[in-house]
Amino acid sequence: MSTKPNAPTRKPNAALLKPVQPDEVLSVIVGSTPLPRGEMTKKLWDYIKKHGLQDATNKRNINADDALKKVFNGKAQVSMFEMTKLVSGHVKA
């Protein structure tokens, strides 16, 4: 693939690069050190895949284990989009 010489370069979103502190509930899954949101999402997906928590019939849904239920406010299953919203409630900027 070739890139056009005049193509505008995409700037990374500064908000996604700024480290945020996970709370004690989320730190069980992603660790307790501050992480950029993008890295936190990557670690969350690594956890989901490692434990086979992605729904087999509808891949957009995540089935929660005990640790994720705490992050998901007690819900047994959430969509990917709802997951990001719920995770945001467990970080301190």
Protein backbone atom coordinates (compact mmCIF):
# COMPACT_ATOMS: atom_id res chain seq x y z
CA MET A 1 0.00 0.00 0.00
CA SER A 2 1.32 3.40 -0.87
CA THR A 3 0.41 6.58 0.91
CA LYS A 4 -0.25 9.83 -0.83
CA PRO A 5 2.42 12.46 -0.14
CA ASN A 6 -0.23 15.12 0.57
CA ALA A 7 -2.42 12.95 2.79
CA PRO A 8 -3.04 14.62 6.16
CA THR A 9 -1.39 12.84 9.04
CA ARG A 10 -3.72 11.79 11.79
CA LYS A 11 -2.89 13.16 15.23
CA PRO A 12 -3.32 10.79 18.17
CA ASN A 13 -6.08 11.78 20.58
CA ALA A 14 -4.32 13.35 23.58
CA ALA A 15 -7.09 12.20 25.93
CA LEU A 16 -6.41 8.57 25.01
CA LEU A 17 -2.67 8.97 25.66
CA LYS A 18 -2.99 10.58 29.10
CA PRO A 19 -2.52 7.97 31.85
CA VAL A 20 -5.52 7.39 34.12
CA GLN A 21 -5.59 5.58 37.46
CA PRO A 22 -7.80 2.46 37.65
CA ASP A 23 -9.72 2.06 40.91
CA GLU A 24 -9.32 -1.03 43.12
CA VAL A 25 -12.10 -2.93 41.26
CA LEU A 26 -10.61 -2.40 37.79
CA SER A 27 -7.02 -2.84 38.96
CA VAL A 28 -7.74 -6.55 39.59
CA ILE A 29 -7.95 -6.91 35.80
CA VAL A 30 -5.59 -4.26 34.35
CA GLY A 31 -3.12 -3.70 37.20
CA SER A 32 -2.81 -0.85 39.66
CA THR A 33 -0.42 1.45 37.76
CA PRO A 34 -1.75 4.42 35.76
CA LEU A 35 -2.27 3.55 32.08
CA PRO A 36 -3.38 5.43 28.95
CA ARG A 37 -6.99 4.53 28.09
CA GLY A 38 -5.92 2.76 24.91
CA GLU A 39 -3.55 0.48 26.83
CA MET A 40 -6.20 -0.12 29.49
CA THR A 41 -8.69 -1.21 26.82
CA LYS A 42 -6.05 -3.52 25.32
CA LYS A 43 -5.42 -5.17 28.72
CA LEU A 44 -9.16 -5.54 29.26
CA TRP A 45 -9.53 -7.29 25.90
CA ASP A 46 -6.53 -9.50 26.65
CA TYR A 47 -8.28 -10.57 29.86
CA ILE A 48 -11.59 -11.19 28.04
CA LYS A 49 -9.90 -13.33 25.38
CA LYS A 50 -7.70 -15.23 27.87
CA HIS A 51 -10.76 -16.23 29.91
CA GLY A 52 -13.05 -16.85 26.89
CA LEU A 53 -15.60 -14.23 27.95
CA GLN A 54 -16.63 -12.98 24.51
CA ASP A 55 -20.10 -14.36 23.70
CA ALA A 56 -19.92 -17.15 21.09
CA THR A 57 -23.15 -16.27 19.27
CA ASN A 58 -22.94 -12.47 19.45
CA LYS A 59 -19.29 -11.38 19.50
CA ARG A 60 -20.31 -7.83 20.48
CA ASN A 61 -21.33 -9.06 23.93
CA ILE A 62 -19.04 -9.78 26.86
CA ASN A 63 -20.02 -12.37 29.47
CA ALA A 64 -18.77 -11.30 32.88
CA ASP A 65 -16.87 -13.49 35.32
CA ASP A 66 -16.76 -12.54 39.01
CA ALA A 67 -14.06 -9.88 38.50
CA LEU A 68 -15.78 -8.27 35.50
CA LYS A 69 -19.20 -8.31 37.19
CA LYS A 70 -17.80 -5.83 39.71
CA VAL A 71 -16.59 -3.59 36.88
CA PHE A 72 -19.92 -3.99 35.05
CA ASN A 73 -21.94 -2.96 38.15
CA GLY A 74 -23.28 -6.48 38.69
CA LYS A 75 -24.39 -7.15 35.11
CA ALA A 76 -23.77 -10.67 33.77
CA GLN A 77 -23.45 -9.51 30.15
CA VAL A 78 -22.77 -6.17 28.46
CA SER A 79 -22.12 -5.00 24.90
CA MET A 80 -18.68 -3.74 23.87
CA PHE A 81 -20.03 -0.19 23.75
CA GLU A 82 -21.61 -0.41 27.19
CA MET A 83 -18.36 -1.91 28.52
CA THR A 84 -16.32 1.19 27.67
CA LYS A 85 -18.88 3.40 29.42
CA LEU A 86 -18.88 1.21 32.54
CA VAL A 87 -15.07 1.04 32.63
CA SER A 88 -14.90 4.85 32.52
CA GLY A 89 -16.64 4.88 35.88
CA HIS A 90 -13.69 2.99 37.38
CA VAL A 91 -10.88 5.36 36.39
CA LYS A 92 -9.58 8.57 37.93
CA ALA A 93 -8.12 11.11 35.53
